[in-house]
Amino acid sequence: GLPAPGALDGRSLVPLLNEPDRSWDYPVLISMYRGQYAVRSQHWRYIRYPDSSEELYDHWTDPNEWTNLASMPGLEFVKQRLGRLIPADPAPDAPDRSEYKVDASTGEFILKE
């Protein structure tokens, strides 16, 4: 019942939580390592690596992801459609643990200046 902050993007999962068996044709973006992303729809998983190599799997016929279809002619449209969800400019890395100090009196982690 809380209002959504304006800076958020994406879709509310509330309809899916209320009705788990409903159709949900919105792909999910997964960030695995710096610059490595996967996009998963009900039908496909598309993976792009930092060196621009790709993987594409058809989960309707290959749920175990045995056959990479990324270089198969005729599937460019799938890679383009899912690839549009991958950010062109990824967010910066979070600060490393070494960039923090601990306040001995509170135990709080404070970012070093």
N, C-alpha and C. Protein backbone atom coordinates (compact mmCIF):
# COMPACT_ATOMS: atom_id res chain seq x y z
N GLY A 1 0.80 -1.21 0.00
CA GLY A 1 0.00 0.00 0.00
C GLY A 1 0.84 1.27 0.00
N LEU A 2 2.16 1.15 -0.01
CA LEU A 2 3.01 2.35 -0.01
C LEU A 2 3.15 2.87 -1.43
N PRO A 3 3.28 4.18 -1.59
CA PRO A 3 3.50 4.72 -2.93
C PRO A 3 4.91 4.36 -3.40
N ALA A 4 5.04 4.05 -4.69
CA ALA A 4 6.34 3.70 -5.26
C ALA A 4 7.15 4.97 -5.48
N PRO A 5 8.44 4.97 -5.10
CA PRO A 5 9.29 6.13 -5.41
C PRO A 5 9.39 6.32 -6.92
N GLY A 6 9.45 7.55 -7.35
CA GLY A 6 9.47 7.85 -8.78
C GLY A 6 10.70 7.38 -9.52
N ALA A 7 11.81 7.16 -8.82
CA ALA A 7 13.06 6.82 -9.50
C ALA A 7 13.19 5.33 -9.83
N LEU A 8 12.22 4.53 -9.45
CA LEU A 8 12.31 3.09 -9.71
C LEU A 8 11.88 2.78 -11.14
N ASP A 9 12.51 1.77 -11.71
CA ASP A 9 12.04 1.28 -13.00
C ASP A 9 11.69 -0.19 -12.85
N GLY A 10 11.09 -0.75 -13.86
CA GLY A 10 10.69 -2.14 -13.78
C GLY A 10 9.20 -2.27 -13.53
N ARG A 11 8.77 -3.48 -13.25
CA ARG A 11 7.35 -3.78 -13.07
C ARG A 11 7.10 -4.31 -11.67
N SER A 12 5.94 -3.99 -11.16
CA SER A 12 5.54 -4.51 -9.86
C SER A 12 5.30 -6.01 -9.96
N LEU A 13 5.77 -6.74 -8.97
CA LEU A 13 5.54 -8.18 -8.91
C LEU A 13 4.25 -8.52 -8.16
N VAL A 14 3.55 -7.53 -7.66
CA VAL A 14 2.35 -7.78 -6.89
C VAL A 14 1.33 -8.61 -7.67
N PRO A 15 1.04 -8.31 -8.94
CA PRO A 15 0.08 -9.14 -9.67
C PRO A 15 0.51 -10.61 -9.73
N LEU A 16 1.79 -10.85 -9.89
CA LEU A 16 2.29 -12.22 -9.96
C LEU A 16 2.25 -12.89 -8.59
N LEU A 17 2.51 -12.15 -7.54
CA LEU A 17 2.43 -12.70 -6.19
C LEU A 17 0.99 -13.04 -5.82
N ASN A 18 0.06 -12.21 -6.27
CA ASN A 18 -1.35 -12.46 -5.98
C ASN A 18 -1.92 -13.61 -6.81
N GLU A 19 -1.33 -13.84 -7.97
CA GLU A 19 -1.83 -14.88 -8.88
C GLU A 19 -0.64 -15.58 -9.54
N PRO A 20 0.04 -16.49 -8.83
CA PRO A 20 1.28 -17.10 -9.32
C PRO A 20 1.17 -17.83 -10.66
N ASP A 21 -0.01 -18.29 -11.03
CA ASP A 21 -0.15 -19.04 -12.28
C ASP A 21 -0.47 -18.15 -13.48
N ARG A 22 -0.52 -16.86 -13.28
CA ARG A 22 -0.86 -15.96 -14.38
C ARG A 22 0.26 -15.90 -15.42
N SER A 23 -0.07 -15.54 -16.61
CA SER A 23 0.93 -15.35 -17.67
C SER A 23 1.77 -14.13 -17.33
N TRP A 24 3.06 -14.23 -17.53
CA TRP A 24 3.98 -13.12 -17.21
C TRP A 24 5.02 -13.04 -18.31
N ASP A 25 4.79 -12.19 -19.28
CA ASP A 25 5.66 -12.13 -20.44
C ASP A 25 6.65 -10.97 -20.35
N TYR A 26 7.17 -10.72 -19.15
CA TYR A 26 8.15 -9.66 -18.96
C TYR A 26 9.49 -10.31 -18.63
N PRO A 27 10.48 -10.14 -19.51
CA PRO A 27 11.79 -10.75 -19.24
C PRO A 27 12.43 -10.20 -17.99
N VAL A 28 13.35 -10.98 -17.44
CA VAL A 28 14.09 -10.61 -16.23
C VAL A 28 15.54 -10.38 -16.61
N LEU A 29 16.13 -9.30 -16.13
CA LEU A 29 17.54 -9.00 -16.35
C LEU A 29 18.33 -9.46 -15.14
N ILE A 30 19.39 -10.22 -15.38
CA ILE A 30 20.24 -10.73 -14.31
C ILE A 30 21.65 -10.23 -14.56
N SER A 31 22.24 -9.58 -13.56
CA SER A 31 23.62 -9.15 -13.64
C SER A 31 24.46 -10.16 -12.86
N MET A 32 25.37 -10.84 -13.57
CA MET A 32 26.11 -11.91 -12.90
C MET A 32 27.48 -11.44 -12.44
N TYR A 33 28.29 -10.94 -13.31
CA TYR A 33 29.59 -10.37 -12.99
C TYR A 33 29.68 -9.04 -13.70
N ARG A 34 30.68 -8.26 -13.41
CA ARG A 34 30.83 -6.94 -14.04
C ARG A 34 30.74 -7.08 -15.55
N GLY A 35 29.72 -6.47 -16.14
CA GLY A 35 29.56 -6.48 -17.59
C GLY A 35 28.98 -7.76 -18.16
N GLN A 36 28.60 -8.71 -17.33
CA GLN A 36 28.02 -9.98 -17.81
C GLN A 36 26.55 -10.02 -17.40
N TYR A 37 25.69 -10.14 -18.39
CA TYR A 37 24.26 -10.09 -18.14
C TYR A 37 23.56 -11.27 -18.79
N ALA A 38 22.44 -11.64 -18.20
CA ALA A 38 21.55 -12.62 -18.80
C ALA A 38 20.15 -12.02 -18.78
N VAL A 39 19.40 -12.30 -19.83
CA VAL A 39 18.01 -11.89 -19.90
C VAL A 39 17.20 -13.17 -20.08
N ARG A 40 16.22 -13.37 -19.21
CA ARG A 40 15.42 -14.60 -19.24
C ARG A 40 13.97 -14.26 -19.47
N SER A 41 13.41 -14.82 -20.52
CA SER A 41 11.97 -14.73 -20.76
C SER A 41 11.40 -16.13 -20.53
N GLN A 42 10.11 -16.29 -20.72
CA GLN A 42 9.53 -17.62 -20.56
C GLN A 42 10.09 -18.60 -21.58
N HIS A 43 10.51 -18.08 -22.72
CA HIS A 43 10.98 -18.93 -23.81
C HIS A 43 12.51 -19.00 -23.91
N TRP A 44 13.20 -17.90 -23.69
CA TRP A 44 14.62 -17.80 -24.00
C TRP A 44 15.46 -17.38 -22.80
N ARG A 45 16.76 -17.74 -22.84
CA ARG A 45 17.78 -17.13 -21.99
C ARG A 45 18.88 -16.65 -22.93
N TYR A 46 19.16 -15.35 -22.84
CA TYR A 46 20.21 -14.73 -23.65
C TYR A 46 21.27 -14.22 -22.70
N ILE A 47 22.52 -14.58 -22.94
CA ILE A 47 23.64 -14.17 -22.09
C ILE A 47 24.64 -13.41 -22.95
N ARG A 48 25.10 -12.27 -22.44
CA ARG A 48 26.15 -11.51 -23.12
C ARG A 48 27.28 -11.26 -22.13
N TYR A 49 28.50 -11.57 -22.59
CA TYR A 49 29.70 -11.44 -21.76
C TYR A 49 30.43 -10.14 -22.07
N PRO A 50 31.33 -9.71 -21.18
CA PRO A 50 32.07 -8.46 -21.41
C PRO A 50 32.86 -8.44 -22.72
N ASP A 51 33.28 -9.60 -23.21
CA ASP A 51 34.02 -9.64 -24.48
C ASP A 51 33.09 -9.71 -25.69
N SER A 52 31.78 -9.49 -25.47
CA SER A 52 30.73 -9.50 -26.49
C SER A 52 30.34 -10.89 -26.99
N SER A 53 30.92 -11.95 -26.43
CA SER A 53 30.46 -13.29 -26.81
C SER A 53 29.06 -13.49 -26.23
N GLU A 54 28.32 -14.43 -26.81
CA GLU A 54 26.92 -14.59 -26.47
C GLU A 54 26.54 -16.06 -26.34
N GLU A 55 25.46 -16.28 -25.59
CA GLU A 55 24.81 -17.58 -25.53
C GLU A 55 23.31 -17.33 -25.65
N LEU A 56 22.62 -18.24 -26.31
CA LEU A 56 21.17 -18.15 -26.44
C LEU A 56 20.61 -19.56 -26.33
N TYR A 57 19.64 -19.72 -25.45
CA TYR A 57 19.05 -21.04 -25.23
C TYR A 57 17.54 -20.96 -25.35
N ASP A 58 16.95 -21.97 -25.97
CA ASP A 58 15.52 -22.11 -26.13
C ASP A 58 15.02 -23.03 -25.01
N HIS A 59 14.40 -22.46 -24.01
CA HIS A 59 13.98 -23.25 -22.85
C HIS A 59 12.77 -24.12 -23.13
N TRP A 60 12.08 -23.91 -24.24
CA TRP A 60 10.96 -24.79 -24.58
C TRP A 60 11.47 -26.13 -25.10
N THR A 61 12.59 -26.10 -25.83
CA THR A 61 13.13 -27.35 -26.39
C THR A 61 14.40 -27.83 -25.71
N ASP A 62 15.05 -26.95 -24.95
CA ASP A 62 16.33 -27.27 -24.33
C ASP A 62 16.41 -26.67 -22.92
N PRO A 63 15.59 -27.17 -21.98
CA PRO A 63 15.55 -26.57 -20.64
C PRO A 63 16.86 -26.71 -19.87
N ASN A 64 17.72 -27.63 -20.26
CA ASN A 64 19.01 -27.80 -19.58
C ASN A 64 20.13 -26.97 -20.19
N GLU A 65 19.82 -26.22 -21.22
CA GLU A 65 20.79 -25.34 -21.89
C GLU A 65 21.99 -26.11 -22.42
N TRP A 66 21.74 -27.16 -23.18
CA TRP A 66 22.82 -27.94 -23.77
C TRP A 66 23.31 -27.35 -25.09
N THR A 67 22.43 -26.66 -25.82
CA THR A 67 22.76 -26.21 -27.17
C THR A 67 22.70 -24.70 -27.27
N ASN A 68 23.86 -24.07 -27.47
CA ASN A 68 23.94 -22.62 -27.63
C ASN A 68 23.52 -22.27 -29.04
N LEU A 69 22.45 -21.49 -29.17
CA LEU A 69 21.89 -21.12 -30.47
C LEU A 69 22.31 -19.71 -30.91
N ALA A 70 23.22 -19.08 -30.20
CA ALA A 70 23.56 -17.68 -30.46
C ALA A 70 24.05 -17.42 -31.88
N SER A 71 24.70 -18.38 -32.50
CA SER A 71 25.21 -18.15 -33.86
C SER A 71 24.28 -18.71 -34.93
N MET A 72 23.12 -19.21 -34.53
CA MET A 72 22.19 -19.79 -35.50
C MET A 72 21.51 -18.70 -36.31
N PRO A 73 21.57 -18.79 -37.64
CA PRO A 73 20.88 -17.80 -38.48
C PRO A 73 19.38 -17.80 -38.19
N GLY A 74 18.79 -16.62 -38.27
CA GLY A 74 17.35 -16.50 -38.07
C GLY A 74 16.94 -16.17 -36.65
N LEU A 75 17.88 -16.18 -35.72
CA LEU A 75 17.53 -15.87 -34.33
C LEU A 75 18.07 -14.51 -33.87
N GLU A 76 18.57 -13.73 -34.82
CA GLU A 76 19.10 -12.40 -34.49
C GLU A 76 18.04 -11.54 -33.81
N PHE A 77 16.78 -11.68 -34.25
CA PHE A 77 15.69 -10.87 -33.68
C PHE A 77 15.51 -11.17 -32.19
N VAL A 78 15.72 -12.42 -31.79
CA VAL A 78 15.59 -12.78 -30.37
C VAL A 78 16.70 -12.10 -29.58
N LYS A 79 17.92 -12.18 -30.08
CA LYS A 79 19.04 -11.55 -29.38
C LYS A 79 18.86 -10.04 -29.31
N GLN A 80 18.37 -9.44 -30.39
CA GLN A 80 18.15 -7.99 -30.38
C GLN A 80 17.07 -7.59 -29.39
N ARG A 81 15.96 -8.34 -29.39
CA ARG A 81 14.84 -8.01 -28.50
C ARG A 81 15.26 -8.12 -27.04
N LEU A 82 15.93 -9.21 -26.67
CA LEU A 82 16.35 -9.40 -25.29
C LEU A 82 17.55 -8.52 -24.96
N GLY A 83 18.43 -8.30 -25.93
CA GLY A 83 19.62 -7.48 -25.71
C GLY A 83 19.31 -6.03 -25.41
N ARG A 84 18.13 -5.55 -25.84
CA ARG A 84 17.75 -4.17 -25.55
C ARG A 84 17.58 -3.92 -24.05
N LEU A 85 17.40 -4.98 -23.29
CA LEU A 85 17.24 -4.82 -21.84
C LEU A 85 18.57 -4.73 -21.10
N ILE A 86 19.66 -5.02 -21.80
CA ILE A 86 20.98 -4.97 -21.17
C ILE A 86 21.48 -3.53 -21.17
N PRO A 87 21.88 -3.01 -20.01
CA PRO A 87 22.32 -1.61 -19.95
C PRO A 87 23.59 -1.37 -20.78
N ALA A 88 23.58 -0.26 -21.50
CA ALA A 88 24.76 0.12 -22.29
C ALA A 88 25.86 0.64 -21.37
N ASP A 89 25.47 1.25 -20.26
CA ASP A 89 26.42 1.83 -19.32
C ASP A 89 26.09 1.29 -17.93
N PRO A 90 26.73 0.20 -17.52
CA PRO A 90 26.39 -0.40 -16.22
C PRO A 90 26.67 0.54 -15.06
N ALA A 91 25.96 0.33 -13.98
CA ALA A 91 26.18 1.11 -12.76
C ALA A 91 27.59 0.85 -12.25
N PRO A 92 28.18 1.82 -11.56
CA PRO A 92 29.52 1.61 -11.01
C PRO A 92 29.50 0.53 -9.94
N ASP A 93 30.65 -0.09 -9.74
CA ASP A 93 30.77 -1.10 -8.70
C ASP A 93 30.54 -0.46 -7.33
N ALA A 94 29.98 -1.23 -6.42
CA ALA A 94 29.83 -0.78 -5.03
C ALA A 94 31.23 -0.66 -4.41
N PRO A 95 31.38 0.19 -3.40
CA PRO A 95 32.69 0.30 -2.76
C PRO A 95 33.17 -1.05 -2.22
N ASP A 96 34.45 -1.26 -2.34
CA ASP A 96 35.10 -2.47 -1.83
C ASP A 96 35.20 -2.39 -0.30
N ARG A 97 35.28 -3.53 0.32
CA ARG A 97 35.36 -3.61 1.79
C ARG A 97 36.52 -2.76 2.34
N SER A 98 37.62 -2.69 1.59
CA SER A 98 38.78 -1.92 2.05
C SER A 98 38.52 -0.42 2.05
N GLU A 99 37.44 0.01 1.42
CA GLU A 99 37.12 1.43 1.36
C GLU A 99 36.30 1.90 2.58
N TYR A 100 36.07 0.99 3.51
CA TYR A 100 35.32 1.31 4.72
C TYR A 100 36.21 1.23 5.95
N LYS A 101 35.84 1.97 6.98
CA LYS A 101 36.44 1.83 8.30
C LYS A 101 35.31 1.54 9.27
N VAL A 102 35.64 0.98 10.40
CA VAL A 102 34.63 0.65 11.40
C VAL A 102 34.74 1.63 12.56
N ASP A 103 33.62 2.22 12.92
CA ASP A 103 33.55 3.09 14.10
C ASP A 103 33.54 2.17 15.32
N ALA A 104 34.61 2.22 16.11
CA ALA A 104 34.77 1.31 17.24
C ALA A 104 33.69 1.47 18.30
N SER A 105 33.12 2.65 18.42
CA SER A 105 32.12 2.86 19.47
C SER A 105 30.74 2.33 19.07
N THR A 106 30.44 2.30 17.77
CA THR A 106 29.10 1.87 17.34
C THR A 106 29.12 0.58 16.53
N GLY A 107 30.29 0.22 16.00
CA GLY A 107 30.38 -0.95 15.13
C GLY A 107 29.90 -0.65 13.72
N GLU A 108 29.60 0.61 13.44
CA GLU A 108 29.07 1.02 12.14
C GLU A 108 30.19 1.12 11.10
N PHE A 109 29.91 0.66 9.89
CA PHE A 109 30.86 0.81 8.78
C PHE A 109 30.67 2.18 8.17
N ILE A 110 31.79 2.89 8.00
CA ILE A 110 31.76 4.26 7.46
C ILE A 110 32.69 4.29 6.27
N LEU A 111 32.21 4.86 5.17
CA LEU A 111 33.02 5.00 3.97
C LEU A 111 34.19 5.95 4.23
N LYS A 112 35.40 5.52 3.94
CA LYS A 112 36.58 6.38 4.13
C LYS A 112 36.51 7.57 3.18
N GLU A 113 37.04 8.67 3.64
CA GLU A 113 37.05 9.88 2.79
C GLU A 113 38.29 9.96 1.96
